[in-house]
């Protein structure tokens, strides 16, 4: 993990126009929160996934194009033409922890939850949270044992980041018995 820029905020998905603008896919269930984190003047780090190459850049603008599922267009001071923009397609955009926009009480960024132990209210371990799947109705938590849990109040009883634990309601059929 990059200690200076630990937060994955976006992915560069394409070049836009001839002036160096790029299209971004903001990461997470709440693109608005990611957009609030990506403010003009912010120092970001782009990381190429295949080779681990890095580039430190300065974000100069971010705007939404189209709605409701429109692209996010960004410009970085150091990317001045289409050729340079095309070179960073596929790279991830990482930001410092301090730049992350705060979320309302009871909401979490995915990376704050991944790795927490998932246990039932009966004390049965379901494994560690491996991923959060985003679906139209609600998010779904997936453990490293392949257990899928709807991320709704009927199932999620509590999240205690300090204890490293997510407590879920133990219902028949939730997971195969060990």
C-alpha atoms as a PDB file:
ATOM      1  CA  UNK A   1       0.000   0.000   0.000  1.00  0.00           C
ATOM      2  CA  UNK A   2       1.121   3.537  -0.750  1.00  0.00           C
ATOM      3  CA  UNK A   3       1.348   5.199   2.671  1.00  0.00           C
ATOM      4  CA  UNK A   4       1.318   8.756   1.281  1.00  0.00           C
ATOM      5  CA  UNK A   5      -1.639   8.138  -1.044  1.00  0.00           C
ATOM      6  CA  UNK A   6      -3.556   5.190   0.451  1.00  0.00           C
ATOM      7  CA  UNK A   7      -7.042   6.014  -0.849  1.00  0.00           C
ATOM      8  CA  UNK A   8      -8.169   4.787  -4.256  1.00  0.00           C
ATOM      9  CA  UNK A   9     -10.459   7.556  -5.542  1.00  0.00           C
ATOM     10  CA  UNK A  10     -10.869   6.929  -9.275  1.00  0.00           C
ATOM     11  CA  UNK A  11      -9.759   5.113 -12.390  1.00  0.00           C
ATOM     12  CA  UNK A  12      -8.767   6.894 -15.620  1.00  0.00           C
ATOM     13  CA  UNK A  13     -11.019   5.330 -18.270  1.00  0.00           C
ATOM     14  CA  UNK A  14     -10.355   7.480 -21.322  1.00  0.00           C
ATOM     15  CA  UNK A  15      -9.017  10.638 -22.924  1.00  0.00           C
ATOM     16  CA  UNK A  16     -11.438  13.458 -23.754  1.00  0.00           C
ATOM     17  CA  UNK A  17     -10.744  16.083 -26.387  1.00  0.00           C
ATOM     18  CA  UNK A  18      -7.346  17.409 -27.393  1.00  0.00           C
ATOM     19  CA  UNK A  19      -6.442  19.500 -24.334  1.00  0.00           C
ATOM     20  CA  UNK A  20      -5.396  16.712 -21.969  1.00  0.00           C
ATOM     21  CA  UNK A  21      -8.720  16.097 -20.228  1.00  0.00           C
ATOM     22  CA  UNK A  22      -9.482  12.556 -19.064  1.00  0.00           C
ATOM     23  CA  UNK A  23     -12.644  10.646 -18.183  1.00  0.00           C
ATOM     24  CA  UNK A  24     -12.691   9.171 -14.688  1.00  0.00           C
ATOM     25  CA  UNK A  25     -14.723   6.401 -13.096  1.00  0.00           C
ATOM     26  CA  UNK A  26     -15.067   7.415  -9.469  1.00  0.00           C
ATOM     27  CA  UNK A  27     -14.612   4.535  -7.034  1.00  0.00           C
ATOM     28  CA  UNK A  28     -17.159   3.583  -4.388  1.00  0.00           C
ATOM     29  CA  UNK A  29     -20.881   3.427  -3.908  1.00  0.00           C
ATOM     30  CA  UNK A  30     -21.196   7.201  -3.559  1.00  0.00           C
ATOM     31  CA  UNK A  31     -19.593   9.056  -6.491  1.00  0.00           C
ATOM     32  CA  UNK A  32     -20.614  12.367  -4.921  1.00  0.00           C
ATOM     33  CA  UNK A  33     -18.412  11.649  -1.882  1.00  0.00           C
ATOM     34  CA  UNK A  34     -15.505  10.759  -4.163  1.00  0.00           C
ATOM     35  CA  UNK A  35     -16.088  13.950  -6.145  1.00  0.00           C
ATOM     36  CA  UNK A  36     -16.016  16.022  -2.927  1.00  0.00           C
ATOM     37  CA  UNK A  37     -12.612  14.486  -2.181  1.00  0.00           C
ATOM     38  CA  UNK A  38     -11.192  15.441  -5.588  1.00  0.00           C
ATOM     39  CA  UNK A  39     -10.833  19.202  -5.240  1.00  0.00           C
ATOM     40  CA  UNK A  40      -8.918  21.499  -7.593  1.00  0.00           C
ATOM     41  CA  UNK A  41      -5.333  21.923  -6.442  1.00  0.00           C
ATOM     42  CA  UNK A  42      -5.174  18.473  -4.843  1.00  0.00           C
ATOM     43  CA  UNK A  43      -1.913  16.557  -5.239  1.00  0.00           C
ATOM     44  CA  UNK A  44      -2.740  13.034  -6.417  1.00  0.00           C
ATOM     45  CA  UNK A  45      -0.721   9.988  -7.358  1.00  0.00           C
ATOM     46  CA  UNK A  46      -1.504   8.006 -10.500  1.00  0.00           C
ATOM     47  CA  UNK A  47      -0.466   4.356 -10.375  1.00  0.00           C
ATOM     48  CA  UNK A  48      -0.231   2.078 -13.387  1.00  0.00           C
ATOM     49  CA  UNK A  49      -1.624  -1.288 -12.278  1.00  0.00           C
ATOM     50  CA  UNK A  50       0.501  -3.616 -14.391  1.00  0.00           C
ATOM     51  CA  UNK A  51       3.965  -2.224 -13.702  1.00  0.00           C
ATOM     52  CA  UNK A  52       3.451  -0.186 -10.558  1.00  0.00           C
ATOM     53  CA  UNK A  53       4.763   2.966 -12.251  1.00  0.00           C
ATOM     54  CA  UNK A  54       3.709   6.158 -10.451  1.00  0.00           C
ATOM     55  CA  UNK A  55       3.200   9.788 -11.396  1.00  0.00           C
ATOM     56  CA  UNK A  56       2.467  12.608  -8.987  1.00  0.00           C
ATOM     57  CA  UNK A  57       0.075  15.125 -10.547  1.00  0.00           C
ATOM     58  CA  UNK A  58      -2.000  18.136  -9.558  1.00  0.00           C
ATOM     59  CA  UNK A  59      -5.746  18.047 -10.188  1.00  0.00           C
ATOM     60  CA  UNK A  60      -6.890  21.349 -11.686  1.00  0.00           C
ATOM     61  CA  UNK A  61     -10.559  20.545 -12.355  1.00  0.00           C
ATOM     62  CA  UNK A  62     -13.249  17.898 -12.032  1.00  0.00           C
ATOM     63  CA  UNK A  63     -16.719  18.193 -13.490  1.00  0.00           C
ATOM     64  CA  UNK A  64     -19.593  15.936 -14.316  1.00  0.00           C
ATOM     65  CA  UNK A  65     -20.596  15.508 -17.926  1.00  0.00           C
ATOM     66  CA  UNK A  66     -24.099  14.215 -18.520  1.00  0.00           C
ATOM     67  CA  UNK A  67     -26.525  12.775 -16.010  1.00  0.00           C
ATOM     68  CA  UNK A  68     -27.380  10.665 -14.169  1.00  0.00           C
ATOM     69  CA  UNK A  69     -24.634   8.211 -15.126  1.00  0.00           C
ATOM     70  CA  UNK A  70     -22.464  10.693 -16.963  1.00  0.00           C
ATOM     71  CA  UNK A  71     -18.708  10.644 -17.038  1.00  0.00           C
ATOM     72  CA  UNK A  72     -16.527  12.701 -14.753  1.00  0.00           C
ATOM     73  CA  UNK A  73     -14.043  14.836 -16.637  1.00  0.00           C
ATOM     74  CA  UNK A  74     -10.785  15.779 -14.973  1.00  0.00           C
ATOM     75  CA  UNK A  75      -7.764  17.800 -15.906  1.00  0.00           C
ATOM     76  CA  UNK A  76      -4.301  17.525 -14.383  1.00  0.00           C
ATOM     77  CA  UNK A  77      -1.819  20.408 -14.660  1.00  0.00           C
ATOM     78  CA  UNK A  78       0.921  18.123 -15.996  1.00  0.00           C
ATOM     79  CA  UNK A  79      -1.235  16.466 -18.705  1.00  0.00           C
ATOM     80  CA  UNK A  80      -1.401  19.011 -21.521  1.00  0.00           C
ATOM     81  CA  UNK A  81      -2.519  17.135 -24.641  1.00  0.00           C
ATOM     82  CA  UNK A  82      -4.459  14.104 -25.828  1.00  0.00           C
ATOM     83  CA  UNK A  83      -1.334  11.970 -26.273  1.00  0.00           C
ATOM     84  CA  UNK A  84      -0.360  12.484 -22.629  1.00  0.00           C
ATOM     85  CA  UNK A  85      -3.958  11.794 -21.566  1.00  0.00           C
ATOM     86  CA  UNK A  86      -4.046   8.527 -23.520  1.00  0.00           C
ATOM     87  CA  UNK A  87      -0.845   7.389 -21.788  1.00  0.00           C
ATOM     88  CA  UNK A  88      -2.561   7.371 -18.378  1.00  0.00           C
ATOM     89  CA  UNK A  89      -5.737   5.508 -19.385  1.00  0.00           C
ATOM     90  CA  UNK A  90      -6.126   2.539 -17.036  1.00  0.00           C
ATOM     91  CA  UNK A  91      -4.136   4.149 -14.235  1.00  0.00           C
ATOM     92  CA  UNK A  92      -5.682   4.504 -10.773  1.00  0.00           C
ATOM     93  CA  UNK A  93      -5.964   7.872  -9.029  1.00  0.00           C
ATOM     94  CA  UNK A  94      -4.938   7.774  -5.370  1.00  0.00           C
ATOM     95  CA  UNK A  95      -5.307  10.543  -2.794  1.00  0.00           C
ATOM     96  CA  UNK A  96      -4.028  11.212   0.736  1.00  0.00           C
ATOM     97  CA  UNK A  97      -6.241  10.033   3.609  1.00  0.00           C
ATOM     98  CA  UNK A  98      -6.617  13.642   4.781  1.00  0.00           C
ATOM     99  CA  UNK A  99      -8.230  14.597   1.454  1.00  0.00           C
ATOM    100  CA  UNK A 100     -11.053  12.074   1.794  1.00  0.00           C
ATOM    101  CA  UNK A 101     -14.438  13.741   2.268  1.00  0.00           C
ATOM    102  CA  UNK A 102     -16.113  12.831   5.557  1.00  0.00           C
ATOM    103  CA  UNK A 103     -19.194  10.625   5.342  1.00  0.00           C
ATOM    104  CA  UNK A 104     -22.346  10.893   7.443  1.00  0.00           C
ATOM    105  CA  UNK A 105     -22.499   8.921  10.696  1.00  0.00           C
ATOM    106  CA  UNK A 106     -22.957   5.216  10.026  1.00  0.00           C
ATOM    107  CA  UNK A 107     -21.572   5.315   6.476  1.00  0.00           C
ATOM    108  CA  UNK A 108     -18.164   3.937   5.544  1.00  0.00           C
ATOM    109  CA  UNK A 109     -15.782   3.820   2.642  1.00  0.00           C
ATOM    110  CA  UNK A 110     -15.293   0.293   1.287  1.00  0.00           C
ATOM    111  CA  UNK A 111     -11.597   0.183   2.185  1.00  0.00           C
ATOM    112  CA  UNK A 112     -12.498   1.003   5.805  1.00  0.00           C
ATOM    113  CA  UNK A 113     -14.528  -2.217   5.966  1.00  0.00           C
ATOM    114  CA  UNK A 114     -12.542  -4.702   3.876  1.00  0.00           C
ATOM    115  CA  UNK A 115     -10.583  -6.982   6.189  1.00  0.00           C
ATOM    116  CA  UNK A 116     -12.949  -6.687   9.162  1.00  0.00           C
ATOM    117  CA  UNK A 117     -14.100  -9.969  10.694  1.00  0.00           C
ATOM    118  CA  UNK A 118     -17.760 -10.768  10.007  1.00  0.00           C
ATOM    119  CA  UNK A 119     -19.489 -12.580  12.875  1.00  0.00           C
ATOM    120  CA  UNK A 120     -23.087 -13.482  13.578  1.00  0.00           C
ATOM    121  CA  UNK A 121     -24.946 -12.345  16.664  1.00  0.00           C
ATOM    122  CA  UNK A 122     -24.586 -15.987  17.787  1.00  0.00           C
ATOM    123  CA  UNK A 123     -20.787 -15.597  17.675  1.00  0.00           C
ATOM    124  CA  UNK A 124     -20.168 -17.649  14.518  1.00  0.00           C
ATOM    125  CA  UNK A 125     -17.379 -16.342  12.285  1.00  0.00           C
ATOM    126  CA  UNK A 126     -18.263 -15.955   8.599  1.00  0.00           C
ATOM    127  CA  UNK A 127     -14.752 -14.896   7.605  1.00  0.00           C
ATOM    128  CA  UNK A 128     -13.255 -11.530   6.761  1.00  0.00           C
ATOM    129  CA  UNK A 129     -15.000  -9.001   4.556  1.00  0.00           C
ATOM    130  CA  UNK A 130     -13.367  -9.373   1.142  1.00  0.00           C
ATOM    131  CA  UNK A 131     -15.467  -7.081  -1.038  1.00  0.00           C
ATOM    132  CA  UNK A 132     -18.535  -4.888  -1.187  1.00  0.00           C
ATOM    133  CA  UNK A 133     -20.671  -5.525  -4.244  1.00  0.00           C
ATOM    134  CA  UNK A 134     -22.822  -2.646  -5.449  1.00  0.00           C
ATOM    135  CA  UNK A 135     -26.283  -3.562  -6.703  1.00  0.00           C
ATOM    136  CA  UNK A 136     -29.259  -1.371  -7.628  1.00  0.00           C
ATOM    137  CA  UNK A 137     -31.209  -2.291  -4.496  1.00  0.00           C
ATOM    138  CA  UNK A 138     -28.419  -2.277  -1.896  1.00  0.00           C
ATOM    139  CA  UNK A 139     -24.787  -3.131  -1.344  1.00  0.00           C
ATOM    140  CA  UNK A 140     -23.875  -6.751  -0.588  1.00  0.00           C
ATOM    141  CA  UNK A 141     -20.982  -7.742   1.664  1.00  0.00           C
ATOM    142  CA  UNK A 142     -18.912 -10.720   0.501  1.00  0.00           C
ATOM    143  CA  UNK A 143     -16.613 -12.564   2.882  1.00  0.00           C
ATOM    144  CA  UNK A 144     -13.445 -14.427   1.993  1.00  0.00           C
ATOM    145  CA  UNK A 145     -15.476 -17.629   2.465  1.00  0.00           C
ATOM    146  CA  UNK A 146     -17.938 -16.588  -0.235  1.00  0.00           C
ATOM    147  CA  UNK A 147     -20.768 -15.703   2.144  1.00  0.00           C
ATOM    148  CA  UNK A 148     -23.014 -12.946   0.733  1.00  0.00           C
ATOM    149  CA  UNK A 149     -24.817 -10.646   3.169  1.00  0.00           C
ATOM    150  CA  UNK A 150     -27.198  -7.844   2.149  1.00  0.00           C
ATOM    151  CA  UNK A 151     -25.860  -4.592   3.604  1.00  0.00           C
ATOM    152  CA  UNK A 152     -29.197  -3.515   5.059  1.00  0.00           C
ATOM    153  CA  UNK A 153     -30.288  -2.853   8.638  1.00  0.00           C
ATOM    154  CA  UNK A 154     -32.234  -6.139   8.783  1.00  0.00           C
ATOM    155  CA  UNK A 155     -28.926  -8.037   8.493  1.00  0.00           C
ATOM    156  CA  UNK A 156     -26.152  -5.670   9.608  1.00  0.00           C
ATOM    157  CA  UNK A 157     -26.442  -5.222  13.363  1.00  0.00           C
ATOM    158  CA  UNK A 158     -23.281  -3.243  13.942  1.00  0.00           C
ATOM    159  CA  UNK A 159     -19.921  -2.154  12.601  1.00  0.00           C
ATOM    160  CA  UNK A 160     -17.119  -1.645  15.100  1.00  0.00           C
ATOM    161  CA  UNK A 161     -13.990  -0.566  13.235  1.00  0.00           C
ATOM    162  CA  UNK A 162     -11.994  -0.247  16.462  1.00  0.00           C
ATOM    163  CA  UNK A 163     -12.699  -3.904  17.303  1.00  0.00           C
ATOM    164  CA  UNK A 164     -12.289  -4.950  13.663  1.00  0.00           C
ATOM    165  CA  UNK A 165     -15.726  -6.538  13.532  1.00  0.00           C
ATOM    166  CA  UNK A 166     -19.016  -6.461  11.648  1.00  0.00           C
ATOM    167  CA  UNK A 167     -21.897  -8.165  13.466  1.00  0.00           C
ATOM    168  CA  UNK A 168     -24.683  -9.632  11.337  1.00  0.00           C
ATOM    169  CA  UNK A 169     -27.987 -11.303  12.139  1.00  0.00           C
ATOM    170  CA  UNK A 170     -27.683 -15.097  12.110  1.00  0.00           C
ATOM    171  CA  UNK A 171     -30.524 -16.339   9.927  1.00  0.00           C
ATOM    172  CA  UNK A 172     -31.110 -19.845   8.573  1.00  0.00           C
ATOM    173  CA  UNK A 173     -29.350 -20.357   5.252  1.00  0.00           C
ATOM    174  CA  UNK A 174     -26.987 -17.414   5.684  1.00  0.00           C
ATOM    175  CA  UNK A 175     -23.960 -19.683   5.455  1.00  0.00           C
ATOM    176  CA  UNK A 176     -23.243 -23.378   5.481  1.00  0.00           C
ATOM    177  CA  UNK A 177     -22.382 -24.695   8.905  1.00  0.00           C
ATOM    178  CA  UNK A 178     -18.639 -25.253   9.415  1.00  0.00           C
END
